N, C-alpha and C. Protein backbone atom coordinates (compact mmCIF):
# COMPACT_ATOMS: atom_id res chain seq x y z
N MET A 1 -5.14 88.57 217.12
CA MET A 1 -4.91 88.35 215.62
C MET A 1 -5.41 89.64 214.88
N ARG A 2 -4.51 90.20 214.03
CA ARG A 2 -4.88 91.45 213.39
C ARG A 2 -5.89 91.21 212.33
N GLU A 3 -6.85 92.17 212.21
CA GLU A 3 -7.91 92.10 211.17
C GLU A 3 -7.32 92.33 209.80
N ALA A 4 -7.82 91.60 208.85
CA ALA A 4 -7.31 91.69 207.46
C ALA A 4 -7.68 93.10 206.91
N ALA A 5 -6.72 93.65 206.14
CA ALA A 5 -7.00 94.98 205.54
C ALA A 5 -8.14 94.89 204.61
N LYS A 6 -8.97 95.98 204.63
CA LYS A 6 -10.15 96.05 203.83
C LYS A 6 -9.81 96.52 202.41
N SER A 7 -10.56 96.03 201.44
CA SER A 7 -10.33 96.38 200.00
C SER A 7 -10.87 97.75 199.77
N LYS A 8 -10.49 98.32 198.59
CA LYS A 8 -10.91 99.64 198.24
C LYS A 8 -12.49 99.67 198.13
N ASN A 9 -13.00 98.65 197.56
CA ASN A 9 -14.45 98.56 197.35
C ASN A 9 -15.19 98.49 198.69
N GLU A 10 -14.66 97.76 199.65
CA GLU A 10 -15.29 97.69 200.94
C GLU A 10 -15.27 99.05 201.65
N LEU A 11 -14.19 99.74 201.49
CA LEU A 11 -14.10 101.10 202.12
C LEU A 11 -15.07 102.05 201.48
N ILE A 12 -15.20 101.97 200.18
CA ILE A 12 -16.16 102.85 199.53
C ILE A 12 -17.59 102.55 199.96
N ILE A 13 -17.95 101.26 200.08
CA ILE A 13 -19.27 100.88 200.45
C ILE A 13 -19.53 101.36 201.91
N GLU A 14 -18.54 101.15 202.73
CA GLU A 14 -18.73 101.60 204.22
C GLU A 14 -18.93 103.07 204.27
N GLN A 15 -18.25 103.86 203.41
CA GLN A 15 -18.43 105.33 203.44
C GLN A 15 -19.76 105.69 203.08
N LEU A 16 -20.36 105.02 202.02
CA LEU A 16 -21.70 105.25 201.54
C LEU A 16 -22.72 104.94 202.68
N MET A 17 -22.45 103.81 203.36
CA MET A 17 -23.38 103.35 204.45
C MET A 17 -23.43 104.41 205.61
N ARG A 18 -22.31 105.03 205.88
CA ARG A 18 -22.22 106.03 207.00
C ARG A 18 -23.16 107.29 206.59
N GLU A 19 -23.47 107.47 205.28
CA GLU A 19 -24.24 108.58 204.86
C GLU A 19 -25.73 108.31 204.72
N LEU A 20 -26.08 107.03 204.97
CA LEU A 20 -27.45 106.61 204.79
C LEU A 20 -28.19 106.22 206.07
N ASP A 21 -29.47 106.20 206.06
CA ASP A 21 -30.27 105.78 207.14
C ASP A 21 -30.20 104.21 207.19
N PRO A 22 -29.71 103.66 208.37
CA PRO A 22 -29.56 102.19 208.48
C PRO A 22 -30.86 101.42 208.18
N GLY A 23 -32.01 102.04 208.29
CA GLY A 23 -33.29 101.38 208.01
C GLY A 23 -33.73 101.51 206.57
N SER A 24 -33.00 102.18 205.73
CA SER A 24 -33.46 102.40 204.34
C SER A 24 -33.04 101.13 203.52
N PRO A 25 -33.81 100.95 202.38
CA PRO A 25 -33.54 99.83 201.51
C PRO A 25 -32.20 99.95 200.86
N ARG A 26 -31.73 101.19 200.61
CA ARG A 26 -30.40 101.37 199.97
C ARG A 26 -29.34 100.91 200.95
N TYR A 27 -29.48 101.21 202.16
CA TYR A 27 -28.51 100.80 203.19
C TYR A 27 -28.43 99.30 203.30
N GLN A 28 -29.61 98.67 203.27
CA GLN A 28 -29.70 97.15 203.40
C GLN A 28 -28.98 96.48 202.25
N VAL A 29 -29.10 97.03 201.04
CA VAL A 29 -28.46 96.39 199.85
C VAL A 29 -26.91 96.46 200.08
N LEU A 30 -26.49 97.65 200.45
CA LEU A 30 -25.01 97.81 200.70
C LEU A 30 -24.47 96.90 201.82
N ALA A 31 -25.35 96.72 202.76
CA ALA A 31 -24.93 95.88 203.90
C ALA A 31 -24.64 94.41 203.47
N VAL A 32 -25.53 93.88 202.61
CA VAL A 32 -25.31 92.51 202.18
C VAL A 32 -24.22 92.49 201.03
N ALA A 33 -24.00 93.62 200.27
CA ALA A 33 -22.98 93.67 199.31
C ALA A 33 -21.60 93.60 200.01
N ARG A 34 -21.52 94.17 201.15
CA ARG A 34 -20.24 94.23 201.91
C ARG A 34 -19.78 92.85 202.28
N GLN A 35 -20.71 91.93 202.56
CA GLN A 35 -20.38 90.56 202.88
C GLN A 35 -20.79 89.61 201.76
N PHE A 36 -20.57 90.12 200.48
CA PHE A 36 -21.02 89.36 199.30
C PHE A 36 -20.53 87.92 199.27
N LYS A 37 -19.24 87.70 199.56
CA LYS A 37 -18.71 86.34 199.45
C LYS A 37 -19.44 85.31 200.28
N SER A 38 -19.88 85.68 201.48
CA SER A 38 -20.58 84.77 202.32
C SER A 38 -22.06 84.73 202.21
N SER A 39 -22.67 85.72 201.50
CA SER A 39 -24.06 85.87 201.46
C SER A 39 -24.58 86.29 200.06
N TRP A 40 -24.14 85.57 199.09
CA TRP A 40 -24.53 85.98 197.68
C TRP A 40 -25.99 85.78 197.56
N VAL A 41 -26.60 84.88 198.22
CA VAL A 41 -28.06 84.70 198.05
C VAL A 41 -28.80 85.99 198.47
N GLU A 42 -28.47 86.55 199.61
CA GLU A 42 -29.11 87.78 200.04
C GLU A 42 -28.90 88.94 199.04
N LEU A 43 -27.64 88.99 198.49
CA LEU A 43 -27.40 90.04 197.57
C LEU A 43 -28.21 89.84 196.28
N GLY A 44 -28.29 88.64 195.81
CA GLY A 44 -29.08 88.38 194.57
C GLY A 44 -30.49 88.76 194.86
N GLU A 45 -31.04 88.46 195.98
CA GLU A 45 -32.45 88.74 196.27
C GLU A 45 -32.65 90.23 196.35
N GLN A 46 -31.76 90.94 196.95
CA GLN A 46 -31.89 92.40 197.12
C GLN A 46 -31.73 93.13 195.66
N LEU A 47 -30.81 92.54 194.87
CA LEU A 47 -30.61 93.23 193.54
C LEU A 47 -31.84 93.00 192.63
N ILE A 48 -32.55 91.87 192.79
CA ILE A 48 -33.78 91.66 192.01
C ILE A 48 -34.79 92.68 192.45
N LYS A 49 -34.92 92.94 193.69
CA LYS A 49 -35.92 93.93 194.19
C LYS A 49 -35.58 95.30 193.64
N VAL A 50 -34.30 95.65 193.80
CA VAL A 50 -33.87 97.01 193.29
C VAL A 50 -34.11 97.15 191.80
N LYS A 51 -33.82 96.15 191.03
CA LYS A 51 -34.03 96.18 189.59
C LYS A 51 -35.54 96.26 189.21
N ASN A 52 -36.29 95.40 189.82
CA ASN A 52 -37.71 95.32 189.50
C ASN A 52 -38.49 96.61 189.88
N ASP A 53 -38.06 97.21 191.05
CA ASP A 53 -38.79 98.35 191.53
C ASP A 53 -38.21 99.68 190.93
N GLY A 54 -37.05 99.54 190.33
CA GLY A 54 -36.49 100.73 189.71
C GLY A 54 -35.91 101.70 190.74
N GLU A 55 -35.60 101.22 191.99
CA GLU A 55 -35.14 102.06 193.08
C GLU A 55 -33.88 102.81 192.69
N PHE A 56 -32.99 102.23 191.89
CA PHE A 56 -31.72 102.80 191.59
C PHE A 56 -31.82 104.18 190.97
N GLN A 57 -32.96 104.41 190.26
CA GLN A 57 -33.25 105.68 189.61
C GLN A 57 -33.39 106.77 190.59
N GLY A 58 -34.09 106.48 191.65
CA GLY A 58 -34.24 107.45 192.74
C GLY A 58 -32.96 107.70 193.55
N TRP A 59 -32.03 106.86 193.34
CA TRP A 59 -30.71 107.05 194.06
C TRP A 59 -29.66 107.73 193.14
N GLY A 60 -30.14 108.11 191.98
CA GLY A 60 -29.24 108.97 191.17
C GLY A 60 -28.57 108.15 190.02
N TYR A 61 -28.93 106.94 189.74
CA TYR A 61 -28.31 106.18 188.67
C TYR A 61 -29.20 106.03 187.47
N GLU A 62 -28.62 106.17 186.29
CA GLU A 62 -29.44 106.08 185.02
C GLU A 62 -29.84 104.64 184.74
N SER A 63 -29.03 103.74 185.13
CA SER A 63 -29.37 102.27 184.84
C SER A 63 -29.03 101.39 185.98
N PHE A 64 -29.53 100.20 185.98
CA PHE A 64 -29.25 99.15 186.95
C PHE A 64 -27.77 98.78 186.90
N ASP A 65 -27.22 98.61 185.71
CA ASP A 65 -25.84 98.26 185.50
C ASP A 65 -24.89 99.36 186.15
N ASP A 66 -25.27 100.60 185.91
CA ASP A 66 -24.52 101.75 186.37
C ASP A 66 -24.53 101.69 187.96
N TYR A 67 -25.69 101.47 188.52
CA TYR A 67 -25.79 101.26 189.97
C TYR A 67 -24.93 100.18 190.55
N CYS A 68 -24.98 99.01 189.85
CA CYS A 68 -24.14 97.87 190.32
C CYS A 68 -22.64 98.16 190.32
N SER A 69 -22.18 98.76 189.23
CA SER A 69 -20.79 98.98 189.06
C SER A 69 -20.22 100.10 189.99
N LYS A 70 -21.06 101.17 190.17
CA LYS A 70 -20.56 102.34 190.91
C LYS A 70 -20.92 102.23 192.44
N GLU A 71 -22.01 101.66 192.80
CA GLU A 71 -22.36 101.67 194.23
C GLU A 71 -22.08 100.26 194.87
N ILE A 72 -22.55 99.25 194.19
CA ILE A 72 -22.36 97.88 194.83
C ILE A 72 -20.99 97.39 194.51
N ARG A 73 -20.36 97.93 193.47
CA ARG A 73 -18.90 97.62 193.13
C ARG A 73 -18.83 96.19 192.53
N ILE A 74 -19.75 95.85 191.68
CA ILE A 74 -19.65 94.53 191.00
C ILE A 74 -19.90 94.73 189.52
N ARG A 75 -19.40 93.82 188.73
CA ARG A 75 -19.49 94.01 187.27
C ARG A 75 -20.88 93.59 186.80
N LYS A 76 -21.20 94.08 185.60
CA LYS A 76 -22.59 93.82 185.03
C LYS A 76 -22.80 92.32 184.93
N GLU A 77 -21.81 91.55 184.51
CA GLU A 77 -21.98 90.07 184.31
C GLU A 77 -22.12 89.43 185.70
N THR A 78 -21.40 89.92 186.71
CA THR A 78 -21.56 89.36 188.06
C THR A 78 -23.05 89.61 188.53
N ALA A 79 -23.47 90.76 188.39
CA ALA A 79 -24.91 91.09 188.80
C ALA A 79 -25.91 90.16 188.05
N ARG A 80 -25.64 89.98 186.80
CA ARG A 80 -26.57 89.15 185.99
C ARG A 80 -26.55 87.70 186.49
N LYS A 81 -25.43 87.20 186.81
CA LYS A 81 -25.30 85.80 187.28
C LYS A 81 -25.92 85.69 188.71
N LEU A 82 -25.74 86.67 189.52
CA LEU A 82 -26.33 86.62 190.87
C LEU A 82 -27.87 86.64 190.81
N THR A 83 -28.42 87.51 190.02
CA THR A 83 -29.88 87.58 189.97
C THR A 83 -30.48 86.30 189.29
N LEU A 84 -29.82 85.83 188.23
CA LEU A 84 -30.33 84.62 187.55
C LEU A 84 -30.22 83.42 188.44
N ALA A 85 -29.06 83.28 189.21
CA ALA A 85 -28.88 82.21 190.06
C ALA A 85 -29.89 82.24 191.19
N TYR A 86 -30.23 83.41 191.74
CA TYR A 86 -31.28 83.45 192.82
C TYR A 86 -32.58 83.07 192.28
N ARG A 87 -32.99 83.60 191.14
CA ARG A 87 -34.28 83.22 190.53
C ARG A 87 -34.36 81.69 190.25
N TYR A 88 -33.26 81.13 189.84
CA TYR A 88 -33.19 79.68 189.61
C TYR A 88 -33.45 78.93 190.87
N LEU A 89 -32.83 79.30 191.96
CA LEU A 89 -33.03 78.60 193.23
C LEU A 89 -34.52 78.76 193.69
N GLU A 90 -35.07 79.90 193.51
CA GLU A 90 -36.54 80.09 193.81
C GLU A 90 -37.43 79.15 193.10
N GLN A 91 -37.13 78.90 191.76
CA GLN A 91 -37.98 78.07 190.93
C GLN A 91 -37.67 76.64 191.12
N GLU A 92 -36.39 76.30 191.15
CA GLU A 92 -36.02 74.86 191.01
C GLU A 92 -35.60 74.18 192.39
N GLU A 93 -35.06 75.05 193.27
CA GLU A 93 -34.49 74.45 194.58
C GLU A 93 -34.93 75.39 195.73
N PRO A 94 -36.26 75.59 195.86
CA PRO A 94 -36.70 76.56 196.93
C PRO A 94 -36.33 76.15 198.34
N GLU A 95 -36.14 74.80 198.51
CA GLU A 95 -35.76 74.37 199.87
C GLU A 95 -34.46 74.80 200.29
N LEU A 96 -33.57 75.13 199.30
CA LEU A 96 -32.25 75.66 199.70
C LEU A 96 -32.32 77.10 200.26
N LEU A 97 -33.47 77.76 200.02
CA LEU A 97 -33.61 79.12 200.50
C LEU A 97 -34.35 79.22 201.83
N GLY A 98 -34.73 78.02 202.37
CA GLY A 98 -35.38 77.99 203.63
C GLY A 98 -34.53 78.49 204.76
N ALA A 99 -35.13 78.89 205.88
CA ALA A 99 -34.38 79.47 206.97
C ALA A 99 -33.37 78.51 207.57
N GLU A 100 -33.75 77.26 207.66
CA GLU A 100 -32.77 76.31 208.26
C GLU A 100 -31.58 76.06 207.38
N ARG A 101 -31.86 75.90 206.02
CA ARG A 101 -30.74 75.68 205.08
C ARG A 101 -29.79 76.89 204.96
N ARG A 102 -30.38 78.09 205.14
CA ARG A 102 -29.55 79.30 204.96
C ARG A 102 -28.46 79.39 206.04
N LEU A 103 -28.59 78.61 207.11
CA LEU A 103 -27.52 78.64 208.14
C LEU A 103 -26.26 77.96 207.62
N GLN A 104 -26.33 77.16 206.51
CA GLN A 104 -25.30 76.51 205.88
C GLN A 104 -24.83 77.25 204.65
N PRO A 105 -23.48 77.18 204.35
CA PRO A 105 -23.11 77.87 203.07
C PRO A 105 -23.77 77.22 201.86
N LEU A 106 -24.13 77.98 200.92
CA LEU A 106 -24.66 77.49 199.67
C LEU A 106 -23.61 77.35 198.63
N PRO A 107 -23.83 76.62 197.60
CA PRO A 107 -22.84 76.49 196.54
C PRO A 107 -22.52 77.87 195.89
N ASP A 108 -21.38 77.96 195.27
CA ASP A 108 -20.97 79.17 194.55
C ASP A 108 -22.01 79.60 193.55
N TYR A 109 -22.33 80.85 193.52
CA TYR A 109 -23.40 81.33 192.64
C TYR A 109 -23.03 81.07 191.18
N ARG A 110 -21.80 80.96 190.85
CA ARG A 110 -21.41 80.63 189.48
C ARG A 110 -21.72 79.23 189.13
N ALA A 111 -21.60 78.32 190.15
CA ALA A 111 -21.96 76.90 189.92
C ALA A 111 -23.51 76.75 189.74
N ILE A 112 -24.27 77.51 190.52
CA ILE A 112 -25.69 77.62 190.40
C ILE A 112 -26.06 78.05 189.02
N ASP A 113 -25.36 79.09 188.47
CA ASP A 113 -25.71 79.62 187.19
C ASP A 113 -25.38 78.57 186.09
N LEU A 114 -24.38 77.72 186.27
CA LEU A 114 -24.14 76.67 185.35
C LEU A 114 -25.21 75.69 185.28
N LEU A 115 -25.79 75.37 186.49
CA LEU A 115 -26.90 74.43 186.66
C LEU A 115 -28.09 75.04 185.87
N ARG A 116 -28.30 76.35 186.06
CA ARG A 116 -29.40 77.03 185.33
C ARG A 116 -29.20 76.92 183.86
N GLN A 117 -27.98 77.15 183.36
CA GLN A 117 -27.67 77.02 181.96
C GLN A 117 -27.99 75.68 181.38
N ALA A 118 -27.57 74.68 182.20
CA ALA A 118 -27.82 73.29 181.82
C ALA A 118 -29.31 72.97 181.66
N ARG A 119 -30.11 73.61 182.45
CA ARG A 119 -31.56 73.37 182.39
C ARG A 119 -32.24 74.24 181.35
N GLU A 120 -31.84 75.56 181.26
CA GLU A 120 -32.55 76.45 180.42
C GLU A 120 -31.96 76.73 179.05
N GLU A 121 -30.66 76.61 178.91
CA GLU A 121 -30.01 77.07 177.70
C GLU A 121 -29.34 75.95 176.89
N GLN A 122 -28.81 74.92 177.62
CA GLN A 122 -28.07 73.90 176.91
C GLN A 122 -29.00 72.63 176.77
N GLN A 123 -28.56 71.75 175.89
CA GLN A 123 -29.32 70.55 175.57
C GLN A 123 -28.93 69.39 176.47
N PHE A 124 -28.83 69.57 177.77
CA PHE A 124 -28.48 68.53 178.67
C PHE A 124 -29.62 67.59 178.80
N SER A 125 -29.34 66.24 178.75
CA SER A 125 -30.36 65.33 178.99
C SER A 125 -30.72 65.30 180.51
N ASP A 126 -31.82 64.59 180.86
CA ASP A 126 -32.17 64.50 182.26
C ASP A 126 -31.04 63.88 183.08
N ASP A 127 -30.46 62.87 182.57
CA ASP A 127 -29.35 62.20 183.32
C ASP A 127 -28.16 63.10 183.49
N GLU A 128 -27.81 63.89 182.42
CA GLU A 128 -26.68 64.76 182.46
C GLU A 128 -26.95 65.90 183.47
N TYR A 129 -28.14 66.40 183.41
CA TYR A 129 -28.55 67.48 184.35
C TYR A 129 -28.47 66.97 185.82
N ASP A 130 -29.01 65.76 186.06
CA ASP A 130 -29.02 65.17 187.39
C ASP A 130 -27.54 64.93 187.91
N GLN A 131 -26.65 64.55 187.04
CA GLN A 131 -25.29 64.40 187.45
C GLN A 131 -24.65 65.70 187.78
N LEU A 132 -24.89 66.74 187.07
CA LEU A 132 -24.43 68.08 187.36
C LEU A 132 -24.99 68.56 188.67
N ARG A 133 -26.29 68.43 188.85
CA ARG A 133 -26.97 68.84 190.06
C ARG A 133 -26.38 68.17 191.32
N GLU A 134 -26.09 66.88 191.17
CA GLU A 134 -25.52 66.12 192.22
C GLU A 134 -24.15 66.73 192.63
N SER A 135 -23.34 67.07 191.64
CA SER A 135 -22.04 67.76 191.90
C SER A 135 -22.17 69.00 192.61
N VAL A 136 -23.19 69.86 192.13
CA VAL A 136 -23.31 71.23 192.73
C VAL A 136 -24.04 71.22 194.08
N ILE A 137 -25.13 70.54 194.15
CA ILE A 137 -25.99 70.57 195.36
C ILE A 137 -25.62 69.56 196.43
N GLU A 138 -25.55 68.29 195.98
CA GLU A 138 -25.30 67.24 196.92
C GLU A 138 -23.83 67.12 197.34
N GLN A 139 -22.95 67.12 196.39
CA GLN A 139 -21.53 66.94 196.74
C GLN A 139 -20.82 68.21 197.03
N GLU A 140 -21.39 69.40 196.66
CA GLU A 140 -20.90 70.65 196.91
C GLU A 140 -19.44 70.79 196.37
N ARG A 141 -19.28 70.38 195.16
CA ARG A 141 -17.90 70.45 194.56
C ARG A 141 -17.58 71.91 194.19
N SER A 142 -16.27 72.09 194.03
CA SER A 142 -15.78 73.46 193.79
C SER A 142 -16.26 73.95 192.41
N TYR A 143 -16.29 75.31 192.23
CA TYR A 143 -16.71 75.83 190.96
C TYR A 143 -15.83 75.36 189.78
N PRO A 144 -14.56 75.38 189.89
CA PRO A 144 -13.73 74.83 188.76
C PRO A 144 -14.01 73.40 188.43
N THR A 145 -14.28 72.56 189.40
CA THR A 145 -14.67 71.15 189.07
C THR A 145 -15.99 71.07 188.31
N VAL A 146 -16.97 71.90 188.81
CA VAL A 146 -18.27 71.90 188.21
C VAL A 146 -18.22 72.48 186.77
N GLN A 147 -17.40 73.51 186.63
CA GLN A 147 -17.28 74.16 185.32
C GLN A 147 -16.67 73.21 184.31
N LYS A 148 -15.75 72.41 184.72
CA LYS A 148 -15.14 71.42 183.79
C LYS A 148 -16.19 70.40 183.37
N GLN A 149 -16.91 69.88 184.37
CA GLN A 149 -18.00 68.91 184.09
C GLN A 149 -19.02 69.49 183.17
N PHE A 150 -19.37 70.77 183.31
CA PHE A 150 -20.33 71.47 182.48
C PHE A 150 -19.80 71.57 181.07
N ARG A 151 -18.58 72.04 180.97
CA ARG A 151 -17.98 72.18 179.62
C ARG A 151 -17.89 70.90 178.82
N ASP A 152 -17.47 69.88 179.50
CA ASP A 152 -17.31 68.52 178.88
C ASP A 152 -18.65 68.07 178.21
N VAL A 153 -19.72 68.25 178.96
CA VAL A 153 -21.01 67.86 178.38
C VAL A 153 -21.49 68.83 177.35
N ALA A 154 -21.28 70.13 177.56
CA ALA A 154 -21.68 71.12 176.55
C ALA A 154 -21.00 70.88 175.24
N HIS A 155 -19.74 70.58 175.35
CA HIS A 155 -19.00 70.38 174.05
C HIS A 155 -19.44 69.19 173.30
N GLN A 156 -19.94 68.16 173.99
CA GLN A 156 -20.47 67.09 173.29
C GLN A 156 -21.76 67.39 172.51
N HIS A 157 -22.54 68.35 172.97
CA HIS A 157 -23.73 68.77 172.30
C HIS A 157 -23.43 69.85 171.26
N ASN A 158 -22.45 70.70 171.54
CA ASN A 158 -22.07 71.77 170.61
C ASN A 158 -20.59 71.79 170.40
N PRO A 159 -20.10 70.82 169.58
CA PRO A 159 -18.68 70.81 169.31
C PRO A 159 -18.16 72.09 168.67
N PRO A 160 -16.96 72.55 169.06
CA PRO A 160 -16.46 73.82 168.52
C PRO A 160 -16.35 73.76 167.01
N GLN A 161 -16.71 74.83 166.37
CA GLN A 161 -16.66 74.88 164.89
C GLN A 161 -15.18 75.05 164.45
N ILE A 162 -14.82 74.25 163.42
CA ILE A 162 -13.44 74.31 162.88
C ILE A 162 -13.40 75.33 161.82
N ASP A 163 -12.40 76.24 161.91
CA ASP A 163 -12.24 77.32 161.00
C ASP A 163 -11.15 76.88 159.97
N PRO A 164 -11.57 76.59 158.75
CA PRO A 164 -10.55 76.15 157.71
C PRO A 164 -9.44 77.15 157.52
N LEU A 165 -9.83 78.42 157.40
CA LEU A 165 -8.85 79.44 157.14
C LEU A 165 -7.82 79.42 158.27
N LYS A 166 -8.23 79.38 159.50
CA LYS A 166 -7.29 79.31 160.68
C LYS A 166 -6.44 78.12 160.60
N GLN A 167 -6.94 76.96 160.26
CA GLN A 167 -6.15 75.76 160.12
C GLN A 167 -5.07 75.86 159.09
N VAL A 168 -5.45 76.39 157.84
CA VAL A 168 -4.50 76.53 156.81
C VAL A 168 -3.41 77.52 157.20
N ARG A 169 -3.78 78.65 157.80
CA ARG A 169 -2.75 79.62 158.17
C ARG A 169 -1.86 79.01 159.26
N GLY A 170 -2.35 78.19 160.17
CA GLY A 170 -1.43 77.53 161.11
C GLY A 170 -0.55 76.56 160.47
N ALA A 171 -0.95 75.83 159.49
CA ALA A 171 -0.10 74.83 158.84
C ALA A 171 0.99 75.60 157.99
N LEU A 172 0.57 76.70 157.36
CA LEU A 172 1.54 77.44 156.60
C LEU A 172 2.61 78.05 157.49
N ALA A 173 2.19 78.56 158.64
CA ALA A 173 3.21 79.11 159.57
C ALA A 173 4.15 78.06 160.05
N THR A 174 3.66 76.90 160.30
CA THR A 174 4.53 75.73 160.76
C THR A 174 5.50 75.33 159.63
N ALA A 175 4.99 75.30 158.41
CA ALA A 175 5.83 74.94 157.29
C ALA A 175 6.97 76.01 157.04
N ARG A 176 6.63 77.26 157.21
CA ARG A 176 7.63 78.25 157.10
C ARG A 176 8.72 78.21 158.18
N ARG A 177 8.33 77.87 159.42
CA ARG A 177 9.32 77.67 160.49
C ARG A 177 10.21 76.48 160.16
N LEU A 178 9.60 75.42 159.58
CA LEU A 178 10.40 74.24 159.22
C LEU A 178 11.37 74.55 158.13
N GLU A 179 10.97 75.40 157.17
CA GLU A 179 11.88 75.75 156.07
C GLU A 179 13.08 76.50 156.64
N ASN A 180 12.88 77.40 157.59
CA ASN A 180 14.00 78.11 158.13
C ASN A 180 14.97 77.22 158.86
N GLN A 181 14.44 76.22 159.52
CA GLN A 181 15.29 75.27 160.26
C GLN A 181 16.06 74.40 159.27
N LEU A 182 15.47 74.01 158.18
CA LEU A 182 16.10 73.11 157.23
C LEU A 182 17.25 73.79 156.51
N GLN A 183 17.20 75.17 156.44
CA GLN A 183 18.35 75.82 155.75
C GLN A 183 19.60 75.77 156.48
N GLU A 184 19.54 75.40 157.76
CA GLU A 184 20.72 75.23 158.60
C GLU A 184 21.25 73.76 158.56
N LEU A 185 20.60 72.89 157.86
CA LEU A 185 20.99 71.46 157.80
C LEU A 185 21.49 71.17 156.43
N ALA A 186 22.84 70.98 156.31
CA ALA A 186 23.47 70.73 155.05
C ALA A 186 23.13 69.42 154.42
N GLU A 187 22.74 68.42 155.26
CA GLU A 187 22.56 67.02 154.73
C GLU A 187 21.13 66.83 154.16
N ILE A 188 20.25 67.89 154.22
CA ILE A 188 18.95 67.77 153.61
C ILE A 188 19.00 67.96 152.12
N ALA A 189 18.47 66.98 151.40
CA ALA A 189 18.55 66.97 149.93
C ALA A 189 17.81 68.08 149.32
N PRO A 190 18.22 68.70 148.20
CA PRO A 190 17.51 69.81 147.62
C PRO A 190 16.10 69.44 147.23
N GLU A 191 15.89 68.20 146.75
CA GLU A 191 14.52 67.80 146.29
C GLU A 191 13.55 67.78 147.46
N GLN A 192 14.07 67.53 148.66
CA GLN A 192 13.18 67.54 149.84
C GLN A 192 12.80 68.97 150.22
N VAL A 193 13.80 69.92 150.05
CA VAL A 193 13.46 71.28 150.25
C VAL A 193 12.46 71.77 149.24
N GLN A 194 12.64 71.30 148.04
CA GLN A 194 11.69 71.70 147.01
C GLN A 194 10.30 71.19 147.22
N ALA A 195 10.20 69.97 147.75
CA ALA A 195 8.88 69.45 148.05
C ALA A 195 8.20 70.24 149.16
N LEU A 196 8.94 70.73 150.09
CA LEU A 196 8.44 71.57 151.13
C LEU A 196 7.93 72.93 150.55
N GLN A 197 8.69 73.49 149.67
CA GLN A 197 8.34 74.70 149.03
C GLN A 197 7.05 74.56 148.25
N GLU A 198 6.90 73.46 147.54
CA GLU A 198 5.66 73.22 146.74
C GLU A 198 4.46 73.12 147.69
N LEU A 199 4.66 72.48 148.85
CA LEU A 199 3.59 72.32 149.86
C LEU A 199 3.20 73.67 150.35
N MET A 200 4.20 74.57 150.65
CA MET A 200 3.95 75.96 151.10
C MET A 200 3.19 76.76 150.06
N ASN A 201 3.58 76.52 148.74
CA ASN A 201 2.82 77.31 147.71
C ASN A 201 1.41 76.84 147.67
N GLU A 202 1.09 75.54 147.84
CA GLU A 202 -0.25 75.03 147.84
C GLU A 202 -1.03 75.60 149.02
N LEU A 203 -0.40 75.63 150.21
CA LEU A 203 -1.09 76.16 151.40
C LEU A 203 -1.36 77.73 151.22
N ALA A 204 -0.40 78.42 150.57
CA ALA A 204 -0.61 79.87 150.38
C ALA A 204 -1.78 80.05 149.40
N ARG A 205 -1.91 79.14 148.40
CA ARG A 205 -3.00 79.29 147.45
C ARG A 205 -4.33 79.08 148.18
N GLN A 206 -4.35 77.96 149.06
CA GLN A 206 -5.59 77.79 149.81
C GLN A 206 -5.93 78.88 150.73
N GLU A 207 -4.95 79.48 151.33
CA GLU A 207 -5.19 80.61 152.25
C GLU A 207 -5.78 81.80 151.51
N ALA A 208 -5.29 82.09 150.30
CA ALA A 208 -5.78 83.21 149.52
C ALA A 208 -7.23 82.94 149.11
N GLU A 209 -7.52 81.70 148.68
CA GLU A 209 -8.85 81.33 148.30
C GLU A 209 -9.87 81.44 149.46
N LEU A 210 -9.47 80.93 150.56
CA LEU A 210 -10.32 80.95 151.79
C LEU A 210 -10.56 82.32 152.25
N SER A 211 -9.51 83.18 152.16
CA SER A 211 -9.69 84.59 152.54
C SER A 211 -10.64 85.33 151.69
N ASP A 212 -10.59 85.10 150.35
CA ASP A 212 -11.48 85.74 149.45
C ASP A 212 -12.94 85.31 149.66
N THR A 213 -13.11 83.99 150.04
CA THR A 213 -14.43 83.52 150.35
C THR A 213 -15.03 84.16 151.59
N ALA A 214 -14.19 84.28 152.59
CA ALA A 214 -14.58 84.84 153.93
C ALA A 214 -14.91 86.31 153.73
N GLU A 215 -14.18 87.03 152.90
CA GLU A 215 -14.41 88.44 152.65
C GLU A 215 -15.74 88.63 151.90
N ALA A 216 -15.98 87.78 150.92
CA ALA A 216 -17.21 87.88 150.22
C ALA A 216 -18.43 87.57 151.08
N GLN A 217 -18.34 86.67 152.00
CA GLN A 217 -19.44 86.38 152.89
C GLN A 217 -19.74 87.57 153.87
N ARG A 218 -18.70 88.28 154.27
CA ARG A 218 -18.81 89.39 155.16
C ARG A 218 -19.51 90.56 154.43
N ASN A 219 -19.31 90.62 153.12
CA ASN A 219 -19.87 91.77 152.35
C ASN A 219 -21.26 91.47 151.82
N GLU A 220 -21.79 90.19 152.04
CA GLU A 220 -23.08 89.91 151.49
C GLU A 220 -24.24 90.64 152.29
């Protein structure tokens, strides 16, 4: 069976590894980064050490984010989630980091980060948190499934804000499309068209008023 083609990032990492001492800390981080998908825990652990010790500066990088994007080949947000997820496991689920458990695949780091957010940033009740934890840790559900569960609960606590200006503009756009369609229908009475035009005038007035209010708030 032919080996799958390596990605550009994998090739870049392997080239860097050939130039380094296999016993060096820098080499070790690259080694776990190369197998990131199967060993995110090890990468999260290594990145925390690199960041805390400032080792990236000795390797020629101005910032930790610069090091992650150019050498480890991961985005700033990915590095953030990896390190936060690892710290969370250390504090809340240390048994998952034990030698025996590490022989088994751990949940997606993004799912662990959602569990962290539920505990540290969102107003999840104990029952809501326990249900999410069960999905992530016990049932090992997929990240999309956990993400939907997380969002459903989070929206209950923080319902999306309704933008009146956006609503009025949407209604006005719909009314204008309806007016264009009605012009092609001869059986529509003139007074009905007039009523629609009056409605559009009112929506346009509300749009202008809300726009002025929003502009004044931005300038305060």
